[in-house]
N, C-alpha and C. Protein backbone atom coordinates (compact mmCIF):
# COMPACT_ATOMS: atom_id res chain seq x y z
N MET A 1 24.51 -42.66 7.72
CA MET A 1 23.95 -41.71 8.35
C MET A 1 23.54 -41.09 7.17
N ALA A 2 21.82 -40.58 6.88
CA ALA A 2 21.53 -39.94 5.99
C ALA A 2 21.69 -38.88 5.89
N GLN A 3 21.84 -38.13 4.67
CA GLN A 3 22.55 -36.61 4.18
C GLN A 3 20.81 -35.29 4.50
N SER A 4 21.33 -34.70 5.07
CA SER A 4 19.96 -33.41 4.90
C SER A 4 19.79 -32.95 3.81
N LYS A 5 18.74 -32.51 3.66
CA LYS A 5 18.21 -32.04 2.53
C LYS A 5 19.05 -30.86 1.48
N LYS A 6 19.67 -29.71 2.49
CA LYS A 6 20.48 -29.14 2.08
C LYS A 6 21.95 -29.78 1.46
N GLU A 7 22.54 -30.95 2.49
CA GLU A 7 23.74 -31.41 2.41
C GLU A 7 23.83 -32.25 1.11
N LEU A 8 22.56 -32.68 0.60
CA LEU A 8 22.19 -33.32 -0.66
C LEU A 8 22.08 -32.64 -1.53
N VAL A 9 21.88 -31.70 -1.68
CA VAL A 9 21.59 -30.43 -2.89
C VAL A 9 23.54 -30.34 -2.72
N LEU A 10 23.68 -30.36 -1.76
CA LEU A 10 25.61 -29.60 -1.80
C LEU A 10 26.40 -30.43 -2.64
N SER A 11 26.14 -31.95 -1.94
CA SER A 11 26.69 -32.83 -2.16
C SER A 11 26.83 -33.21 -3.70
N ALA A 12 25.41 -32.97 -4.25
CA ALA A 12 25.42 -33.30 -5.70
C ALA A 12 25.89 -32.09 -6.74
N MET A 13 25.94 -30.74 -6.36
CA MET A 13 26.56 -29.82 -7.08
C MET A 13 27.91 -29.78 -6.59
N ASP A 14 28.63 -30.50 -6.31
CA ASP A 14 30.00 -30.85 -5.72
C ASP A 14 30.61 -31.90 -6.28
N ARG A 15 29.85 -32.67 -7.08
CA ARG A 15 29.51 -33.96 -8.19
C ARG A 15 29.92 -35.13 -7.17
N ARG A 16 29.34 -35.38 -5.37
CA ARG A 16 29.90 -36.25 -5.02
C ARG A 16 28.83 -37.55 -5.06
N GLU A 17 28.96 -38.67 -4.69
CA GLU A 17 27.68 -39.23 -4.78
C GLU A 17 26.72 -39.20 -3.99
N VAL A 18 25.53 -39.18 -4.25
CA VAL A 18 24.37 -38.67 -3.21
C VAL A 18 23.17 -40.21 -3.15
N GLU A 19 22.72 -40.26 -2.27
CA GLU A 19 21.23 -41.13 -2.29
C GLU A 19 20.30 -41.09 -3.03
N ARG A 20 19.86 -39.65 -3.75
CA ARG A 20 19.26 -39.79 -4.33
C ARG A 20 19.14 -38.30 -5.30
N VAL A 21 18.40 -38.07 -6.39
CA VAL A 21 18.56 -36.86 -7.29
C VAL A 21 17.56 -35.65 -6.52
N PRO A 22 18.39 -34.63 -5.73
CA PRO A 22 17.43 -33.55 -4.82
C PRO A 22 16.92 -33.37 -6.36
N SER A 23 15.90 -32.36 -5.70
CA SER A 23 14.45 -31.73 -6.41
C SER A 23 14.21 -30.90 -5.82
N GLY A 24 13.29 -29.78 -6.92
CA GLY A 24 12.88 -28.62 -5.89
C GLY A 24 12.19 -27.81 -7.60
N PHE A 25 10.85 -27.27 -7.49
CA PHE A 25 10.29 -26.66 -8.52
C PHE A 25 10.46 -24.91 -8.25
N TRP A 26 9.68 -24.41 -8.79
CA TRP A 26 9.46 -23.02 -8.64
C TRP A 26 8.39 -22.27 -9.41
N PHE A 27 7.59 -21.50 -8.59
CA PHE A 27 6.76 -21.01 -9.67
C PHE A 27 6.55 -19.47 -9.68
N HIS A 28 5.83 -19.17 -9.92
CA HIS A 28 5.44 -17.46 -9.88
C HIS A 28 4.31 -17.05 -8.96
N PHE A 29 3.98 -16.29 -8.12
CA PHE A 29 3.00 -16.04 -7.68
C PHE A 29 2.36 -15.32 -7.39
N LEU A 30 2.69 -13.99 -8.32
CA LEU A 30 2.02 -12.87 -8.70
C LEU A 30 1.59 -12.84 -10.13
N ALA A 31 0.41 -12.39 -10.43
CA ALA A 31 -0.72 -12.60 -11.58
C ALA A 31 0.60 -12.21 -12.92
N ASP A 32 1.05 -11.06 -12.75
CA ASP A 32 2.32 -10.51 -13.91
C ASP A 32 3.91 -10.50 -12.66
N GLU A 33 3.80 -11.07 -12.85
CA GLU A 33 5.50 -11.53 -12.16
C GLU A 33 6.53 -10.63 -12.91
N ILE A 34 6.30 -10.20 -14.12
CA ILE A 34 7.37 -9.05 -14.73
C ILE A 34 7.04 -8.03 -14.70
N HIS A 35 6.01 -7.52 -14.42
CA HIS A 35 5.49 -6.11 -14.07
C HIS A 35 4.95 -5.84 -13.14
N ALA A 36 4.76 -6.40 -12.31
CA ALA A 36 4.26 -6.01 -10.81
C ALA A 36 5.16 -5.16 -9.99
N ASP A 37 5.33 -4.17 -9.41
CA ASP A 37 5.78 -3.81 -8.63
C ASP A 37 5.61 -3.46 -7.07
N ALA A 38 6.50 -4.69 -6.54
CA ALA A 38 6.69 -4.71 -5.07
C ALA A 38 6.73 -3.48 -4.57
N TYR A 39 7.53 -2.50 -4.84
CA TYR A 39 7.96 -1.10 -4.33
C TYR A 39 7.06 -0.01 -4.31
N ALA A 40 6.03 -0.36 -5.28
CA ALA A 40 5.58 0.51 -4.85
C ALA A 40 3.99 0.01 -4.13
N ASP A 41 3.71 -1.35 -4.41
CA ASP A 41 2.90 -1.73 -3.96
C ASP A 41 3.76 -2.98 -3.19
N PRO A 42 3.76 -2.43 -1.61
CA PRO A 42 4.14 -3.59 -0.99
C PRO A 42 3.31 -4.58 -0.46
N ARG A 43 1.99 -4.64 -0.33
CA ARG A 43 1.11 -5.92 -0.73
C ARG A 43 1.45 -7.14 -1.69
N LEU A 44 1.93 -6.74 -2.44
CA LEU A 44 2.75 -7.61 -3.64
C LEU A 44 3.57 -8.33 -3.23
N GLU A 45 4.81 -8.29 -1.87
CA GLU A 45 5.78 -8.72 -1.19
C GLU A 45 5.20 -9.42 -0.86
N GLN A 46 4.16 -8.95 0.22
CA GLN A 46 3.70 -10.02 1.34
C GLN A 46 2.64 -11.25 0.48
N THR A 47 2.07 -10.91 -0.68
CA THR A 47 1.48 -11.98 -1.41
C THR A 47 2.46 -13.42 -1.63
N LEU A 48 3.46 -12.23 -2.05
CA LEU A 48 5.05 -12.92 -3.05
C LEU A 48 5.49 -14.26 -1.76
N LEU A 49 5.15 -13.44 -0.69
CA LEU A 49 6.11 -14.65 0.44
C LEU A 49 4.99 -15.11 0.78
N ASP A 50 3.56 -15.04 1.06
CA ASP A 50 2.60 -16.30 1.48
C ASP A 50 2.27 -17.40 0.46
N GLY A 51 2.31 -17.20 -0.76
CA GLY A 51 2.47 -17.82 -1.41
C GLY A 51 4.18 -18.60 -1.73
N GLU A 52 5.29 -18.36 -1.87
CA GLU A 52 6.54 -18.88 -1.59
C GLU A 52 6.68 -20.15 -0.86
N LEU A 53 5.99 -19.59 1.00
CA LEU A 53 5.82 -20.57 2.45
C LEU A 53 4.48 -21.57 2.30
N ARG A 54 3.79 -21.41 1.69
CA ARG A 54 2.65 -22.09 1.13
C ARG A 54 3.12 -23.28 0.89
N TYR A 55 4.09 -23.25 -0.42
CA TYR A 55 5.11 -23.75 -1.72
C TYR A 55 5.65 -24.61 -0.51
N ILE A 56 6.68 -24.27 -0.30
CA ILE A 56 7.79 -24.56 0.52
C ILE A 56 7.07 -25.47 1.67
N ASP A 57 6.21 -25.29 2.47
CA ASP A 57 5.73 -25.98 3.48
C ASP A 57 4.86 -27.08 2.68
N GLY A 58 4.57 -26.83 1.98
CA GLY A 58 3.84 -28.09 1.22
C GLY A 58 4.42 -29.32 0.33
N PHE A 59 5.51 -28.83 -0.34
CA PHE A 59 6.33 -29.37 -1.45
C PHE A 59 7.26 -30.18 -0.65
N GLN A 60 8.37 -29.25 0.28
CA GLN A 60 9.14 -29.64 0.96
C GLN A 60 10.09 -30.09 -0.20
N PRO A 61 10.55 -29.13 -0.95
CA PRO A 61 11.73 -29.50 -1.84
C PRO A 61 13.39 -29.54 -1.07
N ASP A 62 13.78 -30.29 -2.08
CA ASP A 62 15.49 -30.16 -1.32
C ASP A 62 16.09 -28.43 -1.52
N PHE A 63 15.37 -28.02 -2.38
CA PHE A 63 16.21 -26.28 -2.71
C PHE A 63 15.35 -25.58 -2.69
N VAL A 64 15.63 -24.49 -2.83
CA VAL A 64 14.37 -23.40 -3.04
C VAL A 64 15.34 -22.43 -3.55
N LYS A 65 14.44 -21.68 -4.97
CA LYS A 65 15.02 -20.61 -5.42
C LYS A 65 13.73 -19.54 -4.41
N ILE A 66 14.77 -18.72 -4.48
CA ILE A 66 13.78 -17.67 -3.82
C ILE A 66 12.94 -16.53 -4.68
N MET A 67 11.73 -16.74 -4.86
CA MET A 67 11.30 -16.22 -5.85
C MET A 67 11.48 -14.69 -5.81
N THR A 68 11.21 -13.94 -6.62
CA THR A 68 11.74 -12.29 -6.81
C THR A 68 10.73 -11.69 -7.89
N ASP A 69 9.53 -12.36 -7.89
CA ASP A 69 7.97 -11.57 -8.55
C ASP A 69 8.17 -10.49 -7.81
N GLY A 70 7.89 -9.07 -8.11
CA GLY A 70 7.66 -7.68 -7.88
C GLY A 70 9.10 -7.34 -7.54
N PHE A 71 9.91 -8.02 -7.31
CA PHE A 71 11.41 -6.85 -7.93
C PHE A 71 12.03 -7.10 -8.97
N PHE A 72 11.71 -7.29 -10.01
CA PHE A 72 12.66 -7.53 -11.37
C PHE A 72 12.95 -5.78 -12.04
N SER A 73 12.52 -5.38 -11.40
CA SER A 73 11.91 -4.20 -12.11
C SER A 73 13.72 -3.55 -10.97
N TYR A 74 14.16 -2.46 -12.18
CA TYR A 74 15.27 -1.46 -11.29
C TYR A 74 14.83 -0.56 -11.23
N PRO A 75 14.53 0.14 -9.58
CA PRO A 75 13.88 1.51 -9.84
C PRO A 75 14.52 2.40 -9.17
N ASN A 76 15.42 2.78 -10.83
CA ASN A 76 15.85 4.01 -11.17
C ASN A 76 15.42 4.65 -11.77
N PRO A 77 15.03 6.09 -11.59
CA PRO A 77 14.20 6.98 -12.33
C PRO A 77 14.60 7.26 -13.99
N VAL A 78 16.11 7.09 -13.99
CA VAL A 78 16.64 7.25 -15.34
C VAL A 78 16.28 6.13 -16.27
N VAL A 79 16.48 4.94 -15.84
CA VAL A 79 16.35 3.90 -16.42
C VAL A 79 14.61 3.48 -16.83
N GLN A 80 13.81 4.18 -15.78
CA GLN A 80 12.21 3.99 -15.50
C GLN A 80 12.30 4.76 -16.96
N THR A 81 12.39 5.84 -17.17
CA THR A 81 12.18 6.91 -18.32
C THR A 81 12.56 6.68 -19.52
N ALA A 82 13.98 6.49 -19.45
CA ALA A 82 15.13 6.33 -20.25
C ALA A 82 13.80 5.62 -21.97
N ARG A 83 13.94 6.43 -22.99
CA ARG A 83 13.59 6.29 -24.20
C ARG A 83 14.76 5.93 -25.24
N THR A 84 15.86 6.79 -24.88
CA THR A 84 17.09 6.89 -26.01
C THR A 84 18.37 6.01 -25.37
N ALA A 85 19.30 6.00 -26.29
CA ALA A 85 20.45 5.23 -25.47
C ALA A 85 21.40 6.56 -24.70
N LYS A 86 20.97 7.42 -25.19
CA LYS A 86 21.62 8.54 -24.28
C LYS A 86 21.28 9.03 -23.03
N GLU A 87 19.71 8.90 -23.23
CA GLU A 87 19.31 8.90 -21.98
C GLU A 87 19.52 8.28 -20.75
N LEU A 88 19.49 6.52 -21.44
CA LEU A 88 19.63 5.37 -20.74
C LEU A 88 21.38 5.78 -20.22
N ALA A 89 22.48 6.22 -20.55
CA ALA A 89 23.72 6.64 -20.17
C ALA A 89 23.79 7.48 -18.92
N LYS A 90 22.86 7.75 -18.51
CA LYS A 90 22.72 9.19 -17.69
C LYS A 90 22.50 8.34 -16.49
N VAL A 91 22.23 7.29 -16.57
CA VAL A 91 22.36 6.33 -15.12
C VAL A 91 23.09 6.13 -14.20
N GLN A 92 23.29 6.78 -12.52
CA GLN A 92 23.96 6.50 -11.77
C GLN A 92 23.22 5.35 -10.73
N PRO A 93 24.53 5.01 -10.15
CA PRO A 93 24.16 3.58 -9.03
C PRO A 93 23.37 4.42 -8.09
N LEU A 94 22.67 3.24 -7.31
CA LEU A 94 21.55 3.34 -6.54
C LEU A 94 22.06 3.55 -5.07
N PRO A 95 21.65 4.31 -4.07
CA PRO A 95 22.25 4.47 -2.90
C PRO A 95 22.11 3.36 -2.22
N ASP A 96 23.43 3.09 -1.05
CA ASP A 96 22.94 1.67 -0.50
C ASP A 96 22.44 1.24 0.64
N ASP A 97 21.51 2.65 0.89
CA ASP A 97 20.22 1.96 1.40
C ASP A 97 18.66 2.18 0.72
N HIS A 98 18.94 2.09 -0.73
CA HIS A 98 17.44 1.82 -1.27
C HIS A 98 17.15 0.95 -1.27
N PRO A 99 15.81 1.06 -1.66
CA PRO A 99 14.79 -0.61 -1.01
C PRO A 99 15.06 -1.12 -2.12
N PHE A 100 15.99 -1.10 -3.37
CA PHE A 100 16.08 -2.10 -4.17
C PHE A 100 17.09 -3.09 -3.47
N PHE A 101 17.57 -2.69 -2.66
CA PHE A 101 18.64 -3.51 -1.68
C PHE A 101 17.98 -4.00 -0.52
N THR A 102 17.74 -2.81 0.42
CA THR A 102 17.31 -3.01 1.60
C THR A 102 15.67 -3.99 1.58
N ARG A 103 14.84 -4.10 0.59
CA ARG A 103 13.63 -5.12 0.65
C ARG A 103 14.06 -6.34 -0.07
N GLN A 104 14.95 -6.12 -1.03
CA GLN A 104 15.17 -7.92 -1.44
C GLN A 104 16.30 -8.66 -0.65
N ILE A 105 17.03 -7.75 0.01
CA ILE A 105 17.79 -8.44 1.27
C ILE A 105 17.14 -8.90 2.21
N ALA A 106 16.00 -7.94 2.64
CA ALA A 106 15.32 -8.44 4.06
C ALA A 106 14.44 -9.69 3.65
N TYR A 107 13.83 -9.38 2.45
CA TYR A 107 12.79 -10.62 1.90
C TYR A 107 13.57 -12.08 1.47
N ALA A 108 14.95 -11.84 1.09
CA ALA A 108 15.65 -13.35 0.98
C ALA A 108 16.46 -13.75 2.34
N LYS A 109 16.29 -12.65 3.50
CA LYS A 109 16.69 -13.26 5.30
C LYS A 109 15.60 -14.03 5.41
N GLU A 110 14.30 -13.41 5.09
CA GLU A 110 13.25 -14.28 6.02
C GLU A 110 13.11 -15.42 5.16
N ILE A 111 13.09 -15.46 4.09
CA ILE A 111 13.13 -17.06 3.46
C ILE A 111 14.57 -17.92 3.80
N THR A 112 15.47 -17.62 3.94
CA THR A 112 16.38 -18.60 4.24
C THR A 112 16.27 -18.19 5.97
N LYS A 113 15.75 -17.80 6.80
CA LYS A 113 15.81 -17.06 8.33
C LYS A 113 15.03 -18.84 8.67
N ARG A 114 13.83 -19.28 7.85
CA ARG A 114 12.83 -19.87 7.77
C ARG A 114 13.47 -21.34 7.82
N TYR A 115 14.09 -21.33 6.32
CA TYR A 115 14.42 -22.43 5.94
C TYR A 115 16.03 -22.51 5.23
N GLY A 116 16.76 -21.92 5.78
CA GLY A 116 18.20 -21.91 4.98
C GLY A 116 19.11 -23.09 5.97
N ASN A 117 18.43 -23.59 7.20
CA ASN A 117 18.95 -24.49 7.92
C ASN A 117 18.50 -25.71 7.33
N GLU A 118 18.21 -25.73 6.46
CA GLU A 118 17.06 -27.02 5.71
C GLU A 118 17.32 -27.83 4.52
N VAL A 119 17.03 -26.55 3.89
CA VAL A 119 17.28 -26.96 2.64
C VAL A 119 17.99 -25.58 2.04
N ALA A 120 18.72 -25.98 0.95
CA ALA A 120 19.48 -24.91 -0.35
C ALA A 120 18.71 -24.08 -0.62
N THR A 121 19.14 -22.78 -0.47
CA THR A 121 18.35 -21.63 -0.95
C THR A 121 19.42 -21.12 -1.87
N PHE A 122 18.45 -20.27 -2.78
CA PHE A 122 19.15 -19.43 -4.38
C PHE A 122 18.52 -18.05 -4.56
N TYR A 123 19.09 -17.24 -4.48
CA TYR A 123 18.06 -16.35 -5.18
C TYR A 123 18.72 -15.68 -6.36
N ASN A 124 17.96 -15.87 -7.26
CA ASN A 124 17.71 -15.19 -8.64
C ASN A 124 18.01 -13.44 -9.29
N LEU A 125 19.00 -13.40 -9.91
CA LEU A 125 19.10 -12.14 -10.13
C LEU A 125 19.24 -12.37 -11.71
N PHE A 126 18.38 -11.05 -12.44
CA PHE A 126 19.09 -11.50 -13.90
C PHE A 126 20.02 -10.29 -14.44
N CYS A 127 20.70 -10.43 -15.67
CA CYS A 127 21.42 -9.85 -15.89
C CYS A 127 20.70 -8.40 -16.32
N ALA A 128 21.64 -6.77 -16.51
CA ALA A 128 21.40 -5.51 -16.78
C ALA A 128 20.00 -5.61 -18.05
N GLY A 129 20.41 -6.12 -19.08
CA GLY A 129 19.88 -6.45 -20.62
C GLY A 129 18.23 -6.81 -20.30
N THR A 130 18.28 -7.51 -19.03
CA THR A 130 16.61 -8.91 -19.17
C THR A 130 16.14 -7.45 -17.87
N THR A 131 16.73 -6.87 -17.06
CA THR A 131 16.47 -6.33 -16.16
C THR A 131 15.59 -4.83 -16.79
N VAL A 132 16.37 -4.80 -18.02
CA VAL A 132 15.51 -3.65 -18.51
C VAL A 132 14.72 -3.85 -19.94
N LYS A 133 14.68 -4.83 -19.87
CA LYS A 133 13.65 -5.29 -20.77
C LYS A 133 12.62 -5.59 -19.95
N PHE A 134 12.15 -6.07 -18.75
CA PHE A 134 11.41 -5.87 -17.62
C PHE A 134 10.73 -4.95 -17.28
N MET A 135 11.30 -4.00 -17.37
CA MET A 135 11.08 -2.39 -17.14
C MET A 135 10.08 -1.89 -18.07
N GLN A 136 10.19 -2.51 -18.99
CA GLN A 136 8.95 -1.94 -20.50
C GLN A 136 8.07 -2.28 -20.38
N PRO A 137 7.09 -1.58 -20.66
CA PRO A 137 5.26 -2.37 -20.69
C PRO A 137 5.03 -3.07 -20.99
N GLY A 138 5.84 -3.12 -22.87
CA GLY A 138 5.10 -4.18 -23.66
C GLY A 138 5.19 -5.92 -23.14
N THR A 139 4.98 -6.66 -24.41
CA THR A 139 5.45 -8.34 -24.31
C THR A 139 7.14 -7.87 -24.36
N LEU A 140 7.57 -9.45 -23.87
CA LEU A 140 8.76 -9.40 -23.97
C LEU A 140 9.41 -9.69 -24.98
N ALA A 141 8.65 -9.53 -26.82
CA ALA A 141 8.85 -9.75 -28.17
C ALA A 141 8.98 -8.15 -27.98
N GLU A 142 8.45 -7.11 -27.92
CA GLU A 142 8.37 -5.32 -27.73
C GLU A 142 10.21 -5.08 -26.67
N ASP A 143 10.02 -6.23 -25.74
CA ASP A 143 11.27 -5.51 -24.77
C ASP A 143 12.10 -5.84 -25.78
N GLU A 144 11.95 -6.82 -26.58
CA GLU A 144 13.59 -7.35 -27.11
C GLU A 144 13.57 -6.22 -28.19
N ALA A 145 13.04 -5.99 -28.74
CA ALA A 145 13.49 -4.65 -30.38
C ALA A 145 13.66 -3.21 -29.51
N PHE A 146 12.88 -3.05 -28.11
CA PHE A 146 13.19 -1.86 -27.80
C PHE A 146 14.98 -2.08 -27.24
N LEU A 147 15.37 -3.07 -26.46
CA LEU A 147 16.63 -2.81 -26.21
C LEU A 147 17.63 -2.94 -27.44
N ALA A 148 17.26 -3.94 -28.67
CA ALA A 148 18.10 -4.14 -29.61
C ALA A 148 18.32 -2.82 -30.15
N GLN A 149 17.05 -1.57 -30.47
CA GLN A 149 16.95 0.16 -31.08
C GLN A 149 18.27 0.48 -30.30
N LEU A 150 18.38 0.46 -29.09
CA LEU A 150 18.87 1.29 -28.19
C LEU A 150 20.63 1.16 -28.39
N VAL A 151 20.48 -0.44 -28.47
CA VAL A 151 22.03 -0.77 -28.92
C VAL A 151 22.43 -0.15 -30.53
N ARG A 152 21.19 -0.76 -31.28
CA ARG A 152 21.79 0.27 -32.73
C ARG A 152 21.91 1.73 -32.38
N GLU A 153 21.10 2.52 -31.82
CA GLU A 153 21.33 4.18 -31.39
C GLU A 153 22.76 3.84 -31.29
N ASP A 154 23.59 3.38 -29.74
CA ASP A 154 24.56 3.64 -29.29
C ASP A 154 24.51 2.85 -28.31
N ALA A 155 25.76 1.91 -29.17
CA ALA A 155 26.13 0.64 -28.27
C ALA A 155 26.97 1.23 -26.94
N ALA A 156 27.95 2.05 -27.33
CA ALA A 156 28.95 2.45 -26.34
C ALA A 156 27.69 2.84 -25.04
N ALA A 157 26.75 3.54 -25.16
CA ALA A 157 26.05 3.88 -24.06
C ALA A 157 25.30 3.12 -23.47
N VAL A 158 24.62 2.08 -24.13
CA VAL A 158 24.00 1.51 -23.79
C VAL A 158 24.95 0.24 -22.62
N ARG A 159 26.35 0.10 -23.37
CA ARG A 159 27.30 -0.68 -22.15
C ARG A 159 27.99 0.24 -21.17
N ALA A 160 27.65 1.50 -21.35
CA ALA A 160 27.58 2.02 -20.23
C ALA A 160 26.62 2.00 -18.52
N ALA A 161 25.95 1.94 -19.49
CA ALA A 161 24.44 1.84 -18.69
C ALA A 161 24.44 0.64 -17.95
N PHE A 162 24.70 -0.62 -18.55
CA PHE A 162 24.60 -1.84 -17.93
C PHE A 162 25.69 -2.05 -17.02
N ASP A 163 26.71 -1.18 -17.28
CA ASP A 163 27.84 -1.46 -16.20
C ASP A 163 27.65 -1.27 -14.85
N VAL A 164 26.93 0.51 -14.97
CA VAL A 164 26.21 0.75 -13.68
C VAL A 164 25.38 -0.02 -13.02
N ILE A 165 23.87 -0.43 -13.68
CA ILE A 165 23.11 -1.40 -13.64
C ILE A 165 23.97 -2.82 -12.84
N SER A 166 24.97 -3.03 -13.71
CA SER A 166 25.75 -4.18 -13.54
C SER A 166 26.08 -4.38 -11.62
N GLY A 167 26.91 -2.84 -11.91
CA GLY A 167 27.23 -2.77 -10.42
C GLY A 167 26.34 -3.02 -9.30
N ASP A 168 25.23 -2.50 -9.05
CA ASP A 168 24.54 -2.85 -8.56
C ASP A 168 23.72 -4.07 -8.45
N LEU A 169 23.56 -4.76 -9.45
CA LEU A 169 22.98 -6.06 -8.93
C LEU A 169 24.07 -6.64 -8.34
N ALA A 170 25.67 -6.89 -8.67
CA ALA A 170 26.59 -7.32 -8.32
C ALA A 170 26.36 -6.65 -6.65
N LYS A 171 26.12 -5.55 -6.37
CA LYS A 171 26.27 -5.20 -4.96
C LYS A 171 24.81 -5.76 -4.52
N LEU A 172 24.31 -6.20 -4.64
CA LEU A 172 22.84 -6.83 -4.49
C LEU A 172 23.23 -8.07 -3.91
N ALA A 173 23.94 -8.82 -5.21
CA ALA A 173 24.13 -10.46 -4.47
C ALA A 173 25.03 -10.42 -3.55
N ARG A 174 26.00 -9.60 -3.46
CA ARG A 174 27.58 -9.36 -2.50
C ARG A 174 26.70 -9.17 -0.94
N ARG A 175 25.51 -8.58 -1.02
CA ARG A 175 25.23 -8.22 0.43
C ARG A 175 24.16 -9.26 0.63
N ILE A 176 23.39 -9.91 -0.21
CA ILE A 176 22.43 -11.22 0.06
C ILE A 176 23.18 -11.99 0.32
N ILE A 177 24.15 -12.62 -0.22
CA ILE A 177 25.42 -13.73 0.29
C ILE A 177 25.88 -13.44 1.51
């Protein structure tokens, strides 16, 4: 009996023999996937969804990386405005009903509702440091320099902030699963 696409991927991940190598690709569907803000502009979420649905329907991959363009930022006012390590350390966890959780969970469920029985789906989360870098207005090189500056200022303060952000990222991961 032939394996389904999802079974094929899961079998390969379990190091079992498979009839062929699973395939999948991913693309960014927004013009600026790093700085786009779907929380502020819900139309971006629809653009992302439309692009992802067209891709999945057209390519019919074995697995799907659910794209998170527009959701890269961590919409916490303290993190959004922090320019120093001391300011960043004041971050508090987001409430459970914050759109950071509810919108991403709804988006992931929309994709898995449509395709989750047929293909393996994976949701991508970035670590706290990358999340903070993505929230900066500059280039990735400038964002790296900004983060390095914060660590040089006060590594313990940055670690404390990363603990809070990581806690929210872990909460999001648990809720999506």
